[in-house]
Amino acid sequence: MTLKSENLVDLIFNKLKTYKNKKIFLEKENLDKFILYLFKEN
């Protein structure tokens, strides 16, 4: 994973963890895998 994509994952992770309206159970590794899956080419 590149530094740029790692920073993006960190940013999304921090935003989701501080979201107050709903409880979100999230692990950074799972978010990593999900984002890599989204960017994966067919």
PDB file of N, CA and C in Angstrom:
ATOM      1  N   MET A   1       0.852  -1.173   0.000  1.00  0.00           N
ATOM      2  CA  MET A   1       0.000   0.000   0.000  1.00  0.00           C
ATOM      3  C   MET A   1       0.899   1.237   0.000  1.00  0.00           C
ATOM      4  N   THR A   2       0.546   2.184  -0.810  1.00  0.00           N
ATOM      5  CA  THR A   2       1.357   3.391  -0.907  1.00  0.00           C
ATOM      6  C   THR A   2       1.085   4.307   0.287  1.00  0.00           C
ATOM      7  N   LEU A   3       1.954   5.246   0.475  1.00  0.00           N
ATOM      8  CA  LEU A   3       1.807   6.200   1.567  1.00  0.00           C
ATOM      9  C   LEU A   3       0.531   7.020   1.408  1.00  0.00           C
ATOM     10  N   LYS A   4       0.232   7.381   0.175  1.00  0.00           N
ATOM     11  CA  LYS A   4      -0.962   8.180  -0.101  1.00  0.00           C
ATOM     12  C   LYS A   4      -2.236   7.409   0.259  1.00  0.00           C
ATOM     13  N   SER A   5      -2.305   6.158  -0.116  1.00  0.00           N
ATOM     14  CA  SER A   5      -3.490   5.359   0.206  1.00  0.00           C
ATOM     15  C   SER A   5      -3.561   5.054   1.695  1.00  0.00           C
ATOM     16  N   GLU A   6      -2.415   4.889   2.320  1.00  0.00           N
ATOM     17  CA  GLU A   6      -2.387   4.673   3.769  1.00  0.00           C
ATOM     18  C   GLU A   6      -2.923   5.902   4.509  1.00  0.00           C
ATOM     19  N   ASN A   7      -2.551   7.080   4.052  1.00  0.00           N
ATOM     20  CA  ASN A   7      -3.060   8.320   4.651  1.00  0.00           C
ATOM     21  C   ASN A   7      -4.566   8.440   4.462  1.00  0.00           C
ATOM     22  N   LEU A   8      -5.042   8.025   3.302  1.00  0.00           N
ATOM     23  CA  LEU A   8      -6.480   8.047   3.035  1.00  0.00           C
ATOM     24  C   LEU A   8      -7.222   7.116   3.994  1.00  0.00           C
ATOM     25  N   VAL A   9      -6.693   5.924   4.196  1.00  0.00           N
ATOM     26  CA  VAL A   9      -7.297   4.967   5.131  1.00  0.00           C
ATOM     27  C   VAL A   9      -7.315   5.550   6.537  1.00  0.00           C
ATOM     28  N   ASP A  10      -6.219   6.160   6.956  1.00  0.00           N
ATOM     29  CA  ASP A  10      -6.145   6.783   8.284  1.00  0.00           C
ATOM     30  C   ASP A  10      -7.183   7.886   8.439  1.00  0.00           C
ATOM     31  N   LEU A  11      -7.319   8.703   7.430  1.00  0.00           N
ATOM     32  CA  LEU A  11      -8.281   9.801   7.466  1.00  0.00           C
ATOM     33  C   LEU A  11      -9.718   9.273   7.580  1.00  0.00           C
ATOM     34  N   ILE A  12     -10.060   8.306   6.758  1.00  0.00           N
ATOM     35  CA  ILE A  12     -11.411   7.719   6.803  1.00  0.00           C
ATOM     36  C   ILE A  12     -11.650   7.041   8.142  1.00  0.00           C
ATOM     37  N   PHE A  13     -10.669   6.293   8.612  1.00  0.00           N
ATOM     38  CA  PHE A  13     -10.790   5.593   9.885  1.00  0.00           C
ATOM     39  C   PHE A  13     -11.048   6.568  11.027  1.00  0.00           C
ATOM     40  N   ASN A  14     -10.290   7.643  11.083  1.00  0.00           N
ATOM     41  CA  ASN A  14     -10.454   8.628  12.156  1.00  0.00           C
ATOM     42  C   ASN A  14     -11.801   9.340  12.079  1.00  0.00           C
ATOM     43  N   LYS A  15     -12.251   9.636  10.875  1.00  0.00           N
ATOM     44  CA  LYS A  15     -13.561  10.283  10.716  1.00  0.00           C
ATOM     45  C   LYS A  15     -14.678   9.360  11.190  1.00  0.00           C
ATOM     46  N   LEU A  16     -14.606   8.116  10.814  1.00  0.00           N
ATOM     47  CA  LEU A  16     -15.648   7.167  11.203  1.00  0.00           C
ATOM     48  C   LEU A  16     -15.643   6.896  12.704  1.00  0.00           C
ATOM     49  N   LYS A  17     -14.469   6.851  13.297  1.00  0.00           N
ATOM     50  CA  LYS A  17     -14.376   6.573  14.727  1.00  0.00           C
ATOM     51  C   LYS A  17     -14.895   7.734  15.575  1.00  0.00           C
ATOM     52  N   THR A  18     -14.880   8.934  15.035  1.00  0.00           N
ATOM     53  CA  THR A  18     -15.348  10.094  15.792  1.00  0.00           C
ATOM     54  C   THR A  18     -16.794  10.455  15.460  1.00  0.00           C
ATOM     55  N   TYR A  19     -17.443   9.644  14.633  1.00  0.00           N
ATOM     56  CA  TYR A  19     -18.826   9.884  14.251  1.00  0.00           C
ATOM     57  C   TYR A  19     -19.726   9.599  15.448  1.00  0.00           C
ATOM     58  N   LYS A  20     -20.468  10.589  15.918  1.00  0.00           N
ATOM     59  CA  LYS A  20     -21.197  10.494  17.188  1.00  0.00           C
ATOM     60  C   LYS A  20     -22.631   9.961  17.075  1.00  0.00           C
ATOM     61  N   ASN A  21     -23.264  10.101  15.921  1.00  0.00           N
ATOM     62  CA  ASN A  21     -24.675   9.751  15.822  1.00  0.00           C
ATOM     63  C   ASN A  21     -24.957   8.252  15.965  1.00  0.00           C
ATOM     64  N   LYS A  22     -24.029   7.436  15.579  1.00  0.00           N
ATOM     65  CA  LYS A  22     -24.197   5.989  15.689  1.00  0.00           C
ATOM     66  C   LYS A  22     -22.896   5.374  16.168  1.00  0.00           C
ATOM     67  N   LYS A  23     -23.032   4.257  16.857  1.00  0.00           N
ATOM     68  CA  LYS A  23     -21.839   3.530  17.245  1.00  0.00           C
ATOM     69  C   LYS A  23     -21.347   2.732  16.047  1.00  0.00           C
ATOM     70  N   ILE A  24     -20.085   2.843  15.775  1.00  0.00           N
ATOM     71  CA  ILE A  24     -19.498   2.114  14.657  1.00  0.00           C
ATOM     72  C   ILE A  24     -18.382   1.236  15.203  1.00  0.00           C
ATOM     73  N   PHE A  25     -18.530  -0.059  15.009  1.00  0.00           N
ATOM     74  CA  PHE A  25     -17.474  -0.987  15.392  1.00  0.00           C
ATOM     75  C   PHE A  25     -16.613  -1.216  14.162  1.00  0.00           C
ATOM     76  N   LEU A  26     -15.383  -0.766  14.232  1.00  0.00           N
ATOM     77  CA  LEU A  26     -14.525  -0.797  13.059  1.00  0.00           C
ATOM     78  C   LEU A  26     -13.090  -1.090  13.470  1.00  0.00           C
ATOM     79  N   GLU A  27     -12.476  -1.985  12.727  1.00  0.00           N
ATOM     80  CA  GLU A  27     -11.057  -2.257  12.913  1.00  0.00           C
ATOM     81  C   GLU A  27     -10.316  -1.746  11.684  1.00  0.00           C
ATOM     82  N   LYS A  28      -9.198  -1.148  11.930  1.00  0.00           N
ATOM     83  CA  LYS A  28      -8.455  -0.516  10.844  1.00  0.00           C
ATOM     84  C   LYS A  28      -8.046  -1.522   9.769  1.00  0.00           C
ATOM     85  N   GLU A  29      -7.701  -2.729  10.162  1.00  0.00           N
ATOM     86  CA  GLU A  29      -7.289  -3.742   9.188  1.00  0.00           C
ATOM     87  C   GLU A  29      -8.434  -4.084   8.237  1.00  0.00           C
ATOM     88  N   ASN A  30      -9.644  -4.159   8.765  1.00  0.00           N
ATOM     89  CA  ASN A  30     -10.798  -4.457   7.921  1.00  0.00           C
ATOM     90  C   ASN A  30     -11.073  -3.308   6.955  1.00  0.00           C
ATOM     91  N   LEU A  31     -10.920  -2.102   7.425  1.00  0.00           N
ATOM     92  CA  LEU A  31     -11.101  -0.936   6.564  1.00  0.00           C
ATOM     93  C   LEU A  31     -10.056  -0.944   5.456  1.00  0.00           C
ATOM     94  N   ASP A  32      -8.834  -1.279   5.808  1.00  0.00           N
ATOM     95  CA  ASP A  32      -7.747  -1.397   4.837  1.00  0.00           C
ATOM     96  C   ASP A  32      -8.123  -2.363   3.718  1.00  0.00           C
ATOM     97  N   LYS A  33      -8.560  -3.547   4.099  1.00  0.00           N
ATOM     98  CA  LYS A  33      -8.927  -4.572   3.130  1.00  0.00           C
ATOM     99  C   LYS A  33     -10.087  -4.120   2.259  1.00  0.00           C
ATOM    100  N   PHE A  34     -11.062  -3.474   2.867  1.00  0.00           N
ATOM    101  CA  PHE A  34     -12.223  -3.006   2.122  1.00  0.00           C
ATOM    102  C   PHE A  34     -11.833  -1.960   1.082  1.00  0.00           C
ATOM    103  N   ILE A  35     -11.010  -1.013   1.461  1.00  0.00           N
ATOM    104  CA  ILE A  35     -10.600   0.039   0.534  1.00  0.00           C
ATOM    105  C   ILE A  35      -9.739  -0.541  -0.588  1.00  0.00           C
ATOM    106  N   LEU A  36      -8.870  -1.463  -0.260  1.00  0.00           N
ATOM    107  CA  LEU A  36      -8.072  -2.116  -1.308  1.00  0.00           C
ATOM    108  C   LEU A  36      -8.975  -2.871  -2.280  1.00  0.00           C
ATOM    109  N   TYR A  37     -10.001  -3.500  -1.756  1.00  0.00           N
ATOM    110  CA  TYR A  37     -10.968  -4.194  -2.598  1.00  0.00           C
ATOM    111  C   TYR A  37     -11.674  -3.221  -3.550  1.00  0.00           C
ATOM    112  N   LEU A  38     -12.022  -2.042  -3.052  1.00  0.00           N
ATOM    113  CA  LEU A  38     -12.690  -1.045  -3.883  1.00  0.00           C
ATOM    114  C   LEU A  38     -11.800  -0.549  -5.020  1.00  0.00           C
ATOM    115  N   PHE A  39     -10.519  -0.425  -4.751  1.00  0.00           N
ATOM    116  CA  PHE A  39      -9.585   0.077  -5.765  1.00  0.00           C
ATOM    117  C   PHE A  39      -9.048  -1.006  -6.691  1.00  0.00           C
ATOM    118  N   LYS A  40      -9.323  -2.248  -6.347  1.00  0.00           N
ATOM    119  CA  LYS A  40      -8.807  -3.357  -7.129  1.00  0.00           C
ATOM    120  C   LYS A  40      -9.395  -3.355  -8.539  1.00  0.00           C
ATOM    121  N   GLU A  41      -8.540  -3.570  -9.511  1.00  0.00           N
ATOM    122  CA  GLU A  41      -8.997  -3.599 -10.893  1.00  0.00           C
ATOM    123  C   GLU A  41      -9.529  -4.985 -11.220  1.00  0.00           C
ATOM    124  N   ASN A  42     -10.499  -5.017 -12.102  1.00  0.00           N
ATOM    125  CA  ASN A  42     -11.078  -6.309 -12.529  1.00  0.00           C
ATOM    126  C   ASN A  42     -10.198  -6.967 -13.546  1.00  0.00           C
TER     127      ASN A  42
END
